[in-house]
Structures are given as C-alpha cells and as structure tokens.
Amino acid sequence: MSSRPDKAAIKPVSLHILDKDYVIACPETECDTLLSSAQYLTQKLQEVKEGGKVVSTERLVVVSALNIIHEYMQYKQQKEQDIQALHDHIQQLQDKIELALARIKQ
C-alpha cells in the first residue's frame, strides 16, 4: 500500500480558442476552473481583436496576456493592501483588549 494520497483523476478537456481546438489533460476537480479560464481568455482576446489595432495572432495573444497579467497584478496588489489593513485593524483591537485587561487588573 502506498502512503501517498491518491491523485485526482485526470480528464481530457476540449477547449476552443482563436478558432483552434485544444485538448488539455486536467485534474477532474479543476475542469470547471479550466473551462472558465479558457472562456475568460477568449473574451479578452475578442476585446483586443475588436480594438482593431492588433493584426497578427501572435500580437493578439501577447497583448491579451499582458492585459490579463496587468489585471492580476492590480488584484494582487489590492489583496496585499487589504491584508495589511486587516492586520493593522487586528493589532489595534489587540492593543485595546490589552489596555482593557490592564485596567481591570488594577
């Protein structure tokens, strides 16, 4: 018997991006996320394509990827700021609790 947990079953997932079909091996538990990701990518590619300034497929993909990474970096930065604000708020609450406890002990 193996002591490792069983890996999730791998399932082939068909995707249609830029008029091409792709079959991607994906853990069964992540298929919905993969399909959503492909749909989001297709949407972003279409937005860049409709902008009309990008002609070649390669540039279309690069510009779309840069746009997606830019969105991700903004999200990541906002998340880090939110986490820091939460830590600051928790520290303020802890300080108030310690002050209240110190007053009770007096």
N, C-alpha and C. Protein backbone atom coordinates (compact mmCIF):
# COMPACT_ATOMS: atom_id res chain seq x y z
N MET A 1 0.82 -1.18 0.00
CA MET A 1 0.00 0.00 0.00
C MET A 1 0.86 1.24 0.00
N SER A 2 0.42 2.22 -0.73
CA SER A 2 1.14 3.49 -0.81
C SER A 2 0.66 4.43 0.29
N SER A 3 1.58 5.21 0.85
CA SER A 3 1.20 6.17 1.88
C SER A 3 0.80 7.52 1.28
N ARG A 4 1.01 7.67 -0.01
CA ARG A 4 0.62 8.91 -0.69
C ARG A 4 -0.87 8.94 -0.93
N PRO A 5 -1.47 10.16 -0.81
CA PRO A 5 -2.89 10.24 -1.16
C PRO A 5 -3.06 10.07 -2.67
N ASP A 6 -4.19 9.51 -3.07
CA ASP A 6 -4.44 9.31 -4.50
C ASP A 6 -4.55 10.64 -5.20
N LYS A 7 -3.98 10.70 -6.39
CA LYS A 7 -4.09 11.91 -7.20
C LYS A 7 -5.49 11.97 -7.79
N ALA A 8 -5.95 13.17 -8.04
CA ALA A 8 -7.26 13.35 -8.68
C ALA A 8 -7.22 12.73 -10.07
N ALA A 9 -8.33 12.18 -10.48
CA ALA A 9 -8.42 11.59 -11.82
C ALA A 9 -8.18 12.67 -12.86
N ILE A 10 -7.40 12.33 -13.87
CA ILE A 10 -7.10 13.26 -14.96
C ILE A 10 -8.13 13.04 -16.06
N LYS A 11 -8.65 14.14 -16.57
CA LYS A 11 -9.70 14.08 -17.57
C LYS A 11 -9.31 14.98 -18.75
N PRO A 12 -9.50 14.53 -19.98
CA PRO A 12 -9.24 15.41 -21.12
C PRO A 12 -10.37 16.45 -21.25
N VAL A 13 -9.98 17.70 -21.43
CA VAL A 13 -10.95 18.78 -21.57
C VAL A 13 -10.73 19.44 -22.92
N SER A 14 -11.79 19.59 -23.70
CA SER A 14 -11.70 20.22 -25.02
C SER A 14 -11.96 21.71 -24.88
N LEU A 15 -11.07 22.49 -25.46
CA LEU A 15 -11.20 23.95 -25.45
C LEU A 15 -11.15 24.47 -26.87
N HIS A 16 -11.86 25.55 -27.14
CA HIS A 16 -11.83 26.19 -28.46
C HIS A 16 -11.40 27.64 -28.25
N ILE A 17 -10.18 27.95 -28.70
CA ILE A 17 -9.60 29.28 -28.53
C ILE A 17 -9.01 29.73 -29.86
N LEU A 18 -9.36 30.94 -30.28
CA LEU A 18 -8.85 31.50 -31.55
C LEU A 18 -9.07 30.55 -32.72
N ASP A 19 -10.26 30.05 -32.84
CA ASP A 19 -10.64 29.18 -33.94
C ASP A 19 -9.83 27.88 -34.01
N LYS A 20 -9.24 27.50 -32.89
CA LYS A 20 -8.49 26.24 -32.82
C LYS A 20 -9.00 25.43 -31.63
N ASP A 21 -8.95 24.12 -31.78
CA ASP A 21 -9.37 23.23 -30.71
C ASP A 21 -8.15 22.67 -30.00
N TYR A 22 -8.24 22.60 -28.69
CA TYR A 22 -7.17 22.07 -27.86
C TYR A 22 -7.78 21.05 -26.90
N VAL A 23 -7.04 19.98 -26.64
CA VAL A 23 -7.44 19.03 -25.62
C VAL A 23 -6.37 19.08 -24.54
N ILE A 24 -6.80 19.42 -23.33
CA ILE A 24 -5.88 19.61 -22.21
C ILE A 24 -6.18 18.57 -21.14
N ALA A 25 -5.14 17.89 -20.68
CA ALA A 25 -5.30 16.96 -19.56
C ALA A 25 -5.40 17.78 -18.28
N CYS A 26 -6.45 17.52 -17.51
CA CYS A 26 -6.72 18.35 -16.35
C CYS A 26 -7.27 17.48 -15.22
N PRO A 27 -6.84 17.76 -13.96
CA PRO A 27 -7.47 17.03 -12.85
C PRO A 27 -8.97 17.28 -12.86
N GLU A 28 -9.73 16.25 -12.62
CA GLU A 28 -11.19 16.34 -12.70
C GLU A 28 -11.74 17.45 -11.81
N THR A 29 -11.11 17.67 -10.69
CA THR A 29 -11.58 18.68 -9.75
C THR A 29 -11.33 20.11 -10.24
N GLU A 30 -10.53 20.27 -11.29
CA GLU A 30 -10.19 21.61 -11.78
C GLU A 30 -10.77 21.91 -13.17
N CYS A 31 -11.59 21.01 -13.69
CA CYS A 31 -12.13 21.19 -15.04
C CYS A 31 -12.96 22.46 -15.18
N ASP A 32 -13.81 22.73 -14.20
CA ASP A 32 -14.64 23.93 -14.28
C ASP A 32 -13.79 25.20 -14.30
N THR A 33 -12.74 25.21 -13.50
CA THR A 33 -11.84 26.37 -13.48
C THR A 33 -11.12 26.53 -14.81
N LEU A 34 -10.68 25.41 -15.39
CA LEU A 34 -10.02 25.47 -16.70
C LEU A 34 -10.97 26.00 -17.76
N LEU A 35 -12.20 25.53 -17.77
CA LEU A 35 -13.18 26.00 -18.75
C LEU A 35 -13.47 27.49 -18.56
N SER A 36 -13.59 27.92 -17.32
CA SER A 36 -13.81 29.35 -17.04
C SER A 36 -12.62 30.18 -17.49
N SER A 37 -11.43 29.66 -17.26
CA SER A 37 -10.21 30.36 -17.67
C SER A 37 -10.15 30.50 -19.19
N ALA A 38 -10.48 29.44 -19.89
CA ALA A 38 -10.49 29.48 -21.35
C ALA A 38 -11.53 30.47 -21.86
N GLN A 39 -12.68 30.49 -21.22
CA GLN A 39 -13.73 31.44 -21.61
C GLN A 39 -13.28 32.88 -21.36
N TYR A 40 -12.61 33.12 -20.24
CA TYR A 40 -12.11 34.45 -19.92
C TYR A 40 -11.04 34.87 -20.93
N LEU A 41 -10.14 33.95 -21.26
CA LEU A 41 -9.10 34.23 -22.25
C LEU A 41 -9.73 34.58 -23.60
N THR A 42 -10.71 33.81 -24.01
CA THR A 42 -11.39 34.07 -25.28
C THR A 42 -12.03 35.45 -25.28
N GLN A 43 -12.64 35.82 -24.16
CA GLN A 43 -13.26 37.14 -24.03
C GLN A 43 -12.21 38.24 -24.16
N LYS A 44 -11.08 38.09 -23.50
CA LYS A 44 -10.02 39.09 -23.56
C LYS A 44 -9.41 39.17 -24.96
N LEU A 45 -9.24 38.03 -25.61
CA LEU A 45 -8.73 38.03 -26.98
C LEU A 45 -9.69 38.77 -27.90
N GLN A 46 -10.99 38.54 -27.72
CA GLN A 46 -12.01 39.20 -28.54
C GLN A 46 -11.99 40.71 -28.32
N GLU A 47 -11.82 41.14 -27.07
CA GLU A 47 -11.76 42.57 -26.77
C GLU A 47 -10.60 43.24 -27.48
N VAL A 48 -9.43 42.60 -27.44
CA VAL A 48 -8.26 43.16 -28.11
C VAL A 48 -8.47 43.16 -29.62
N LYS A 49 -9.03 42.07 -30.13
CA LYS A 49 -9.28 41.95 -31.57
C LYS A 49 -10.24 43.04 -32.05
N GLU A 50 -11.29 43.29 -31.24
CA GLU A 50 -12.27 44.32 -31.61
C GLU A 50 -11.69 45.72 -31.52
N GLY A 51 -10.61 45.88 -30.75
CA GLY A 51 -9.93 47.17 -30.67
C GLY A 51 -9.33 47.56 -32.00
N GLY A 52 -9.08 46.58 -32.85
CA GLY A 52 -8.66 46.82 -34.23
C GLY A 52 -7.21 47.20 -34.44
N LYS A 53 -6.43 47.39 -33.38
CA LYS A 53 -5.05 47.84 -33.56
C LYS A 53 -4.06 46.68 -33.65
N VAL A 54 -4.50 45.49 -33.29
CA VAL A 54 -3.62 44.32 -33.32
C VAL A 54 -4.07 43.41 -34.45
N VAL A 55 -3.12 43.09 -35.33
CA VAL A 55 -3.47 42.33 -36.53
C VAL A 55 -3.04 40.87 -36.42
N SER A 56 -1.79 40.62 -36.07
CA SER A 56 -1.30 39.24 -36.08
C SER A 56 -1.79 38.48 -34.85
N THR A 57 -1.92 37.18 -35.01
CA THR A 57 -2.36 36.33 -33.92
C THR A 57 -1.37 36.38 -32.75
N GLU A 58 -0.09 36.39 -33.07
CA GLU A 58 0.94 36.43 -32.03
C GLU A 58 0.80 37.70 -31.18
N ARG A 59 0.65 38.83 -31.84
CA ARG A 59 0.49 40.09 -31.10
C ARG A 59 -0.82 40.12 -30.32
N LEU A 60 -1.86 39.56 -30.90
CA LEU A 60 -3.15 39.47 -30.23
C LEU A 60 -3.01 38.70 -28.91
N VAL A 61 -2.32 37.59 -28.96
CA VAL A 61 -2.11 36.77 -27.76
C VAL A 61 -1.24 37.49 -26.75
N VAL A 62 -0.16 38.13 -27.21
CA VAL A 62 0.75 38.83 -26.30
C VAL A 62 0.05 40.00 -25.61
N VAL A 63 -0.68 40.81 -26.36
CA VAL A 63 -1.39 41.95 -25.78
C VAL A 63 -2.46 41.48 -24.82
N SER A 64 -3.19 40.44 -25.17
CA SER A 64 -4.21 39.89 -24.29
C SER A 64 -3.58 39.35 -23.00
N ALA A 65 -2.46 38.64 -23.13
CA ALA A 65 -1.76 38.11 -21.96
C ALA A 65 -1.28 39.25 -21.06
N LEU A 66 -0.76 40.29 -21.65
CA LEU A 66 -0.32 41.45 -20.85
C LEU A 66 -1.49 42.09 -20.12
N ASN A 67 -2.63 42.21 -20.80
CA ASN A 67 -3.82 42.78 -20.16
C ASN A 67 -4.27 41.92 -18.97
N ILE A 68 -4.27 40.61 -19.16
CA ILE A 68 -4.68 39.70 -18.09
C ILE A 68 -3.69 39.77 -16.92
N ILE A 69 -2.40 39.78 -17.20
CA ILE A 69 -1.39 39.87 -16.15
C ILE A 69 -1.52 41.20 -15.41
N HIS A 70 -1.79 42.28 -16.14
CA HIS A 70 -1.98 43.59 -15.52
C HIS A 70 -3.16 43.55 -14.54
N GLU A 71 -4.27 42.96 -14.97
CA GLU A 71 -5.43 42.81 -14.08
C GLU A 71 -5.05 42.00 -12.83
N TYR A 72 -4.32 40.92 -13.05
CA TYR A 72 -3.90 40.07 -11.94
C TYR A 72 -3.01 40.84 -10.96
N MET A 73 -2.06 41.60 -11.48
CA MET A 73 -1.15 42.35 -10.62
C MET A 73 -1.91 43.40 -9.82
N GLN A 74 -2.89 44.05 -10.43
CA GLN A 74 -3.72 45.01 -9.69
C GLN A 74 -4.50 44.30 -8.59
N TYR A 75 -5.07 43.15 -8.91
CA TYR A 75 -5.80 42.37 -7.92
C TYR A 75 -4.88 41.96 -6.77
N LYS A 76 -3.70 41.48 -7.11
CA LYS A 76 -2.74 41.02 -6.11
C LYS A 76 -2.33 42.18 -5.20
N GLN A 77 -2.06 43.33 -5.79
CA GLN A 77 -1.67 44.49 -5.00
C GLN A 77 -2.80 44.91 -4.06
N GLN A 78 -4.03 44.92 -4.57
CA GLN A 78 -5.18 45.29 -3.73
C GLN A 78 -5.36 44.29 -2.60
N LYS A 79 -5.19 43.01 -2.92
CA LYS A 79 -5.31 41.97 -1.89
C LYS A 79 -4.26 42.17 -0.80
N GLU A 80 -3.02 42.48 -1.18
CA GLU A 80 -1.96 42.71 -0.20
C GLU A 80 -2.28 43.93 0.66
N GLN A 81 -2.83 44.98 0.06
CA GLN A 81 -3.22 46.17 0.82
C GLN A 81 -4.36 45.83 1.79
N ASP A 82 -5.32 45.04 1.34
CA ASP A 82 -6.44 44.64 2.20
C ASP A 82 -5.94 43.80 3.37
N ILE A 83 -5.01 42.89 3.11
CA ILE A 83 -4.46 42.05 4.17
C ILE A 83 -3.72 42.91 5.19
N GLN A 84 -2.94 43.87 4.71
CA GLN A 84 -2.21 44.75 5.63
C GLN A 84 -3.17 45.57 6.47
N ALA A 85 -4.23 46.09 5.86
CA ALA A 85 -5.23 46.85 6.60
C ALA A 85 -5.90 45.98 7.66
N LEU A 86 -6.17 44.74 7.31
CA LEU A 86 -6.78 43.81 8.26
C LEU A 86 -5.83 43.53 9.43
N HIS A 87 -4.54 43.32 9.12
CA HIS A 87 -3.55 43.10 10.17
C HIS A 87 -3.47 44.32 11.09
N ASP A 88 -3.49 45.51 10.50
CA ASP A 88 -3.43 46.74 11.30
C ASP A 88 -4.65 46.84 12.22
N HIS A 89 -5.82 46.52 11.68
CA HIS A 89 -7.04 46.58 12.47
C HIS A 89 -7.00 45.56 13.60
N ILE A 90 -6.54 44.37 13.32
CA ILE A 90 -6.42 43.33 14.36
C ILE A 90 -5.46 43.80 15.45
N GLN A 91 -4.35 44.41 15.05
CA GLN A 91 -3.38 44.90 16.03
C GLN A 91 -4.01 45.97 16.91
N GLN A 92 -4.80 46.86 16.32
CA GLN A 92 -5.49 47.90 17.10
C GLN A 92 -6.45 47.26 18.10
N LEU A 93 -7.18 46.25 17.67
CA LEU A 93 -8.11 45.56 18.57
C LEU A 93 -7.37 44.86 19.71
N GLN A 94 -6.25 44.23 19.38
CA GLN A 94 -5.46 43.56 20.41
C GLN A 94 -4.92 44.56 21.43
N ASP A 95 -4.48 45.72 20.93
CA ASP A 95 -3.99 46.76 21.84
C ASP A 95 -5.10 47.24 22.77
N LYS A 96 -6.32 47.40 22.24
CA LYS A 96 -7.46 47.84 23.06
C LYS A 96 -7.81 46.78 24.10
N ILE A 97 -7.77 45.52 23.71
CA ILE A 97 -8.06 44.43 24.64
C ILE A 97 -7.03 44.39 25.76
N GLU A 98 -5.75 44.52 25.39
CA GLU A 98 -4.70 44.51 26.41
C GLU A 98 -4.84 45.69 27.36
N LEU A 99 -5.20 46.84 26.84
CA LEU A 99 -5.40 48.03 27.68
C LEU A 99 -6.59 47.80 28.64
N ALA A 100 -7.66 47.26 28.11
CA ALA A 100 -8.85 46.99 28.94
C ALA A 100 -8.52 45.97 30.01
N LEU A 101 -7.79 44.93 29.67
CA LEU A 101 -7.41 43.92 30.66
C LEU A 101 -6.48 44.51 31.74
N ALA A 102 -5.57 45.38 31.33
CA ALA A 102 -4.68 46.02 32.28
C ALA A 102 -5.47 46.90 33.25
N ARG A 103 -6.48 47.58 32.76
CA ARG A 103 -7.33 48.42 33.63
C ARG A 103 -8.13 47.56 34.61
N ILE A 104 -8.60 46.42 34.14
CA ILE A 104 -9.38 45.53 35.01
C ILE A 104 -8.49 45.00 36.15
N LYS A 105 -7.24 44.71 35.85
CA LYS A 105 -6.33 44.14 36.86
C LYS A 105 -5.95 45.16 37.91
N GLN A 106 -6.10 46.44 37.65
CA GLN A 106 -5.69 47.48 38.60
C GLN A 106 -6.63 47.61 39.74
